[in-house]
């Protein structure tokens, strides 16, 4: 890296660390991305930021995905790198290190839409009926957890983070603390409430007897809060017993919850609120799943669908 460009990038990283307060892992990713960018610039005699033009950045991002140059990056990784580069050039313009921002008109490469995997109704029924042996204390807990995950669409971290005061059976609702410590109020369905009540009456007291007391809704065999890893295991074991033949995770139940709501006619903005998505754009990926279902129904049911 040239001395001048190194100094300019170092100034930007200091700005991110001190003034923006970026987390250490995020800062390390920015540093790696900008190091690769600066090395490319040096190879092309671009020794300071004011010499870099839009075409140079375009050439660099194209090289990231060129198998002839080296191991090509995925579109998502190349897009992340462009975010770091754009931030650096905006900083350079604001600080008077350059007269223009050459990255302003550039957009990240398209990543394509990866549709979430959702279970159908029959698969969900098999999974729920296989979740936990209701004759055992841990089985009652497991059944309650899986019913809650599908019945509310909460993230696994939100489920294991629930405290007793977050539940209101009289109002058939619960308060969930999501990303960024944002809270949202969610309705509780009858199946989830029934499973939770069975767990609270017949299982949780026995599990709590071995601990020192915790407000956690879901507790482990030692009376402490159930861990994320253990919760994943609960869902995985239920999937094995159900013999569905597909890989299942807690997030699969969240995907299924959203997809089934939309298939049932729910408005996408209501689903956004229920899932705790900051942007409706994130939720709209599920509409593609329901459109596929609609196309299939149309193709098999309408007399003028073919031809």
Protein backbone atom coordinates (compact mmCIF):
# COMPACT_ATOMS: atom_id res chain seq x y z
CA UNK A 1 0.00 0.00 0.00
CA UNK A 2 1.31 3.45 -0.86
CA UNK A 3 2.05 5.76 2.05
CA UNK A 4 -0.51 8.36 0.97
CA UNK A 5 -3.38 5.95 0.35
CA UNK A 6 -2.51 4.06 3.54
CA UNK A 7 -2.77 7.30 5.52
CA UNK A 8 -6.13 8.16 3.95
CA UNK A 9 -7.62 4.73 4.62
CA UNK A 10 -6.23 4.73 8.15
CA UNK A 11 -7.99 8.05 8.75
CA UNK A 12 -11.27 6.58 7.55
CA UNK A 13 -10.92 3.52 9.80
CA UNK A 14 -10.21 5.78 12.78
CA UNK A 15 -13.35 7.73 11.91
CA UNK A 16 -15.38 4.51 11.91
CA UNK A 17 -13.93 3.36 15.22
CA UNK A 18 -14.04 6.63 17.15
CA UNK A 19 -16.86 8.71 15.69
CA UNK A 20 -19.15 5.99 14.37
CA UNK A 21 -18.39 3.45 17.12
CA UNK A 22 -18.39 0.41 14.84
CA UNK A 23 -18.03 -3.00 16.46
CA UNK A 24 -14.60 -4.64 16.35
CA UNK A 25 -15.72 -7.40 13.95
CA UNK A 26 -17.30 -4.92 11.54
CA UNK A 27 -14.23 -2.72 11.67
CA UNK A 28 -11.99 -5.71 10.93
CA UNK A 29 -14.12 -6.55 7.87
CA UNK A 30 -13.81 -2.96 6.59
CA UNK A 31 -10.06 -3.11 7.11
CA UNK A 32 -9.73 -6.35 5.12
CA UNK A 33 -11.88 -5.07 2.28
CA UNK A 34 -10.07 -1.73 2.01
CA UNK A 35 -6.67 -3.44 2.17
CA UNK A 36 -7.59 -5.52 -0.86
CA UNK A 37 -8.88 -2.41 -2.63
CA UNK A 38 -5.74 -0.40 -1.86
CA UNK A 39 -3.49 -3.21 -3.07
CA UNK A 40 -5.34 -3.23 -6.39
CA UNK A 41 -5.06 0.57 -6.59
CA UNK A 42 -1.31 0.37 -5.99
CA UNK A 43 -0.94 -2.16 -8.81
CA UNK A 44 -2.65 0.36 -11.09
CA UNK A 45 -0.54 3.36 -9.91
CA UNK A 46 -3.47 4.96 -8.09
CA UNK A 47 -1.37 6.23 -5.21
CA UNK A 48 -3.90 8.58 -3.57
CA UNK A 49 -7.66 8.78 -3.35
CA UNK A 50 -8.06 11.89 -5.55
CA UNK A 51 -6.66 9.99 -8.54
CA UNK A 52 -9.33 7.26 -8.43
CA UNK A 53 -12.18 7.49 -10.94
CA UNK A 54 -15.49 5.65 -11.31
CA UNK A 55 -14.09 3.44 -14.06
CA UNK A 56 -11.28 2.33 -11.73
CA UNK A 57 -13.74 1.22 -9.06
CA UNK A 58 -15.84 -0.56 -11.71
CA UNK A 59 -12.74 -2.39 -12.93
CA UNK A 60 -11.85 -3.40 -9.40
CA UNK A 61 -15.33 -4.74 -8.57
CA UNK A 62 -15.39 -6.62 -11.88
CA UNK A 63 -12.07 -8.25 -10.97
CA UNK A 64 -13.60 -9.56 -7.73
CA UNK A 65 -15.92 -11.83 -9.71
CA UNK A 66 -13.53 -12.75 -12.52
CA UNK A 67 -12.35 -16.39 -12.24
CA UNK A 68 -9.37 -15.56 -14.47
CA UNK A 69 -8.02 -13.10 -11.89
CA UNK A 70 -8.45 -15.41 -8.91
CA UNK A 71 -11.05 -17.05 -6.71
CA UNK A 72 -14.25 -15.14 -7.57
CA UNK A 73 -16.28 -13.64 -4.76
CA UNK A 74 -19.99 -14.21 -4.37
CA UNK A 75 -22.18 -11.26 -5.32
CA UNK A 76 -23.01 -10.68 -1.64
CA UNK A 77 -19.30 -10.47 -0.70
CA UNK A 78 -18.51 -8.16 -3.62
CA UNK A 79 -21.46 -6.00 -2.59
CA UNK A 80 -20.19 -5.79 0.98
CA UNK A 81 -16.78 -4.70 -0.31
CA UNK A 82 -18.36 -1.98 -2.44
CA UNK A 83 -20.14 -0.66 0.66
CA UNK A 84 -16.75 -0.22 2.36
CA UNK A 85 -15.31 1.48 -0.73
CA UNK A 86 -18.25 3.87 -1.05
CA UNK A 87 -17.96 4.80 2.62
CA UNK A 88 -14.26 5.54 2.18
CA UNK A 89 -14.85 7.79 -0.85
CA UNK A 90 -17.66 9.69 0.85
CA UNK A 91 -15.33 10.27 3.79
CA UNK A 92 -12.56 11.46 1.45
CA UNK A 93 -14.94 13.97 -0.16
CA UNK A 94 -16.19 15.26 3.20
CA UNK A 95 -12.62 15.64 4.46
CA UNK A 96 -11.45 17.51 1.36
CA UNK A 97 -9.12 14.72 0.28
CA UNK A 98 -10.88 14.51 -3.10
CA UNK A 99 -13.03 16.82 -5.20
CA UNK A 100 -15.59 14.20 -6.23
CA UNK A 101 -16.98 10.90 -5.01
CA UNK A 102 -16.32 8.48 -7.89
CA UNK A 103 -18.28 5.68 -6.21
CA UNK A 104 -21.56 7.60 -5.99
CA UNK A 105 -23.14 6.15 -9.13
CA UNK A 106 -22.13 2.54 -8.53
CA UNK A 107 -24.49 -0.15 -7.24
CA UNK A 108 -23.68 -3.54 -5.72
CA UNK A 109 -24.01 -6.57 -8.02
CA UNK A 110 -27.37 -8.30 -7.96
CA UNK A 111 -27.39 -11.19 -5.52
CA UNK A 112 -30.59 -12.81 -6.73
CA UNK A 113 -33.43 -13.84 -4.47
CA UNK A 114 -33.06 -16.90 -2.36
CA UNK A 115 -36.53 -18.03 -1.46
CA UNK A 116 -36.94 -19.17 2.12
CA UNK A 117 -37.70 -22.84 2.72
CA UNK A 118 -41.17 -23.29 4.15
CA UNK A 119 -42.91 -26.45 5.30
CA UNK A 120 -46.38 -27.25 4.06
CA UNK A 121 -49.27 -27.66 6.48
CA UNK A 122 -48.94 -31.44 6.64
CA UNK A 123 -45.22 -31.26 7.39
CA UNK A 124 -45.82 -28.70 10.15
CA UNK A 125 -48.47 -30.96 11.67
CA UNK A 126 -46.07 -33.91 11.68
CA UNK A 127 -43.30 -31.81 13.21
CA UNK A 128 -45.51 -30.43 15.99
CA UNK A 129 -46.91 -33.85 16.88
CA UNK A 130 -43.35 -35.20 17.05
CA UNK A 131 -42.05 -32.39 19.24
CA UNK A 132 -41.35 -33.84 22.65
CA UNK A 133 -42.64 -36.76 24.66
CA UNK A 134 -45.51 -35.27 26.64
CA UNK A 135 -45.01 -37.88 29.37
CA UNK A 136 -41.63 -36.34 30.29
CA UNK A 137 -40.81 -32.95 31.80
CA UNK A 138 -38.37 -32.03 29.02
CA UNK A 139 -40.80 -33.27 26.39
CA UNK A 140 -43.54 -30.92 27.58
CA UNK A 141 -41.07 -28.04 27.41
CA UNK A 142 -39.97 -29.06 23.92
CA UNK A 143 -43.55 -29.27 22.65
CA UNK A 144 -44.28 -25.80 24.09
CA UNK A 145 -41.16 -24.34 22.45
CA UNK A 146 -41.92 -25.71 18.99
CA UNK A 147 -45.58 -24.68 19.21
CA UNK A 148 -44.48 -21.17 20.18
CA UNK A 149 -41.94 -20.92 17.34
CA UNK A 150 -44.47 -21.84 14.67
CA UNK A 151 -47.42 -20.12 16.35
CA UNK A 152 -45.71 -16.73 16.65
CA UNK A 153 -42.87 -16.74 14.10
CA UNK A 154 -40.37 -15.45 16.65
CA UNK A 155 -36.63 -15.84 16.20
CA UNK A 156 -35.00 -18.50 18.34
CA UNK A 157 -33.12 -15.80 20.30
CA UNK A 158 -36.44 -14.10 21.04
CA UNK A 159 -38.03 -17.34 22.23
CA UNK A 160 -35.27 -18.31 24.66
CA UNK A 161 -35.07 -14.70 25.83
CA UNK A 162 -38.70 -14.69 26.97
CA UNK A 163 -39.43 -14.10 30.65
CA UNK A 164 -42.61 -15.06 32.47
CA UNK A 165 -43.74 -11.43 32.70
CA UNK A 166 -43.65 -11.22 28.90
CA UNK A 167 -46.63 -13.59 28.62
CA UNK A 168 -50.24 -12.53 29.13
CA UNK A 169 -52.60 -15.48 28.76
CA UNK A 170 -55.65 -13.36 29.67
CA UNK A 171 -54.95 -11.08 26.71
CA UNK A 172 -53.65 -14.02 24.61
CA UNK A 173 -50.51 -12.06 23.81
CA UNK A 174 -46.82 -11.71 24.59
CA UNK A 175 -44.13 -9.03 24.41
CA UNK A 176 -41.02 -9.96 22.43
CA UNK A 177 -37.68 -8.15 22.52
CA UNK A 178 -36.14 -8.32 19.06
CA UNK A 179 -33.14 -6.92 17.23
CA UNK A 180 -31.87 -3.59 18.53
CA UNK A 181 -33.81 -4.23 21.79
CA UNK A 182 -37.02 -3.25 19.98
CA UNK A 183 -40.15 -4.68 21.56
CA UNK A 184 -43.30 -5.79 19.77
CA UNK A 185 -46.62 -7.22 20.93
CA UNK A 186 -47.63 -10.54 19.38
CA UNK A 187 -50.86 -12.53 19.56
CA UNK A 188 -50.72 -16.01 21.10
CA UNK A 189 -52.78 -18.76 19.48
CA UNK A 190 -54.75 -21.38 21.35
CA UNK A 191 -52.38 -24.27 20.57
CA UNK A 192 -49.35 -22.33 21.85
CA UNK A 193 -51.20 -21.27 25.00
CA UNK A 194 -52.36 -24.83 25.70
CA UNK A 195 -48.83 -26.22 25.25
CA UNK A 196 -47.34 -23.50 27.46
CA UNK A 197 -49.92 -24.07 30.21
CA UNK A 198 -49.20 -27.82 30.20
CA UNK A 199 -45.49 -27.05 30.43
CA UNK A 200 -45.93 -24.55 33.28
CA UNK A 201 -48.13 -26.89 35.35
CA UNK A 202 -46.56 -30.29 34.70
CA UNK A 203 -42.95 -29.62 33.74
CA UNK A 204 -41.35 -26.29 34.59
CA UNK A 205 -41.60 -26.67 38.41
CA UNK A 206 -39.64 -29.94 38.24
CA UNK A 207 -36.96 -28.36 36.03
CA UNK A 208 -36.78 -25.29 38.29
CA UNK A 209 -36.22 -27.43 41.38
CA UNK A 210 -32.62 -27.98 40.35
CA UNK A 211 -31.83 -24.29 39.82
CA UNK A 212 -31.57 -21.09 41.81
CA UNK A 213 -34.56 -19.38 40.26
CA UNK A 214 -34.85 -17.67 36.89
CA UNK A 215 -37.61 -15.64 35.21
CA UNK A 216 -36.93 -17.46 31.92
CA UNK A 217 -39.91 -19.12 30.27
CA UNK A 218 -37.84 -21.98 28.85
CA UNK A 219 -35.41 -23.61 31.26
CA UNK A 220 -32.93 -26.47 30.99
CA UNK A 221 -32.48 -29.57 33.15
CA UNK A 222 -30.35 -27.57 35.63
CA UNK A 223 -33.02 -24.93 36.14
CA UNK A 224 -31.29 -22.23 34.10
CA UNK A 225 -32.32 -20.48 30.91
CA UNK A 226 -32.39 -22.77 27.88
CA UNK A 227 -29.46 -22.09 25.54
CA UNK A 228 -29.67 -21.35 21.82
CA UNK A 229 -27.81 -24.57 21.05
CA UNK A 230 -30.22 -26.66 23.11
CA UNK A 231 -33.21 -24.98 21.45
CA UNK A 232 -31.80 -25.85 18.03
CA UNK A 233 -31.45 -29.42 19.27
CA UNK A 234 -35.11 -29.52 20.30
CA UNK A 235 -36.23 -28.61 16.77
CA UNK A 236 -33.72 -30.95 15.16
CA UNK A 237 -34.86 -33.91 17.26
CA UNK A 238 -38.50 -33.20 16.44
CA UNK A 239 -37.62 -33.13 12.73
CA UNK A 240 -35.81 -36.49 13.01
CA UNK A 241 -38.79 -38.11 14.73
CA UNK A 242 -41.17 -36.65 12.14
CA UNK A 243 -38.99 -38.17 9.38
CA UNK A 244 -39.69 -35.27 7.02
CA UNK A 245 -36.61 -35.89 4.88
CA UNK A 246 -35.64 -32.20 4.84
CA UNK A 247 -33.32 -30.16 7.02
CA UNK A 248 -35.25 -28.21 9.65
CA UNK A 249 -34.07 -25.34 11.86
CA UNK A 250 -35.94 -22.90 14.12
CA UNK A 251 -35.78 -20.39 11.27
CA UNK A 252 -37.69 -22.87 9.06
CA UNK A 253 -40.63 -22.47 11.42
CA UNK A 254 -40.37 -18.68 11.16
CA UNK A 255 -40.36 -18.95 7.34
CA UNK A 256 -43.34 -21.30 7.47
CA UNK A 257 -45.26 -18.97 9.80
CA UNK A 258 -44.81 -16.02 7.43
CA UNK A 259 -45.60 -18.01 4.30
CA UNK A 260 -48.75 -19.54 5.76
CA UNK A 261 -50.01 -16.14 6.94
CA UNK A 262 -49.65 -14.72 3.44
CA UNK A 263 -51.22 -17.80 1.87
CA UNK A 264 -54.14 -17.26 4.25
CA UNK A 265 -54.64 -13.71 2.99
CA UNK A 266 -52.69 -11.64 5.54
CA UNK A 267 -51.46 -8.21 4.40
CA UNK A 268 -47.69 -8.09 3.87
CA UNK A 269 -47.38 -5.04 6.16
CA UNK A 270 -49.12 -6.88 8.98
CA UNK A 271 -46.73 -9.79 8.52
CA UNK A 272 -43.83 -7.31 8.56
CA UNK A 273 -45.00 -6.05 11.95
CA UNK A 274 -45.45 -9.57 13.32
CA UNK A 275 -41.97 -10.64 12.19
CA UNK A 276 -40.31 -7.49 13.49
CA UNK A 277 -38.77 -6.58 10.12
CA UNK A 278 -37.53 -2.99 9.89
CA UNK A 279 -38.42 -2.83 6.19
CA UNK A 280 -41.32 -4.34 4.26
CA UNK A 281 -38.80 -5.21 1.53
CA UNK A 282 -37.42 -7.96 3.78
CA UNK A 283 -40.89 -9.42 4.23
CA UNK A 284 -41.77 -9.29 0.54
CA UNK A 285 -39.48 -12.22 -0.28
CA UNK A 286 -42.21 -14.43 1.17
CA UNK A 287 -44.73 -13.18 -1.40
CA UNK A 288 -42.75 -14.95 -4.13
CA UNK A 289 -43.41 -18.24 -2.34
CA UNK A 290 -47.14 -17.60 -2.26
CA UNK A 291 -47.19 -16.51 -5.91
CA UNK A 292 -45.65 -19.86 -6.86
CA UNK A 293 -48.47 -21.59 -4.99
CA UNK A 294 -51.07 -19.45 -6.73
CA UNK A 295 -49.57 -20.26 -10.13
CA UNK A 296 -49.71 -23.98 -9.34
CA UNK A 297 -53.35 -23.78 -8.27
CA UNK A 298 -54.21 -21.75 -11.36
CA UNK A 299 -52.39 -24.13 -13.71
CA UNK A 300 -54.18 -27.19 -12.34
CA UNK A 301 -57.63 -25.64 -11.79
CA UNK A 302 -58.44 -23.12 -14.51
CA UNK A 303 -59.70 -24.38 -17.89
CA UNK A 304 -57.85 -21.66 -19.80
CA UNK A 305 -54.53 -21.95 -17.96
CA UNK A 306 -52.96 -24.13 -20.64
CA UNK A 307 -52.52 -23.42 -24.32
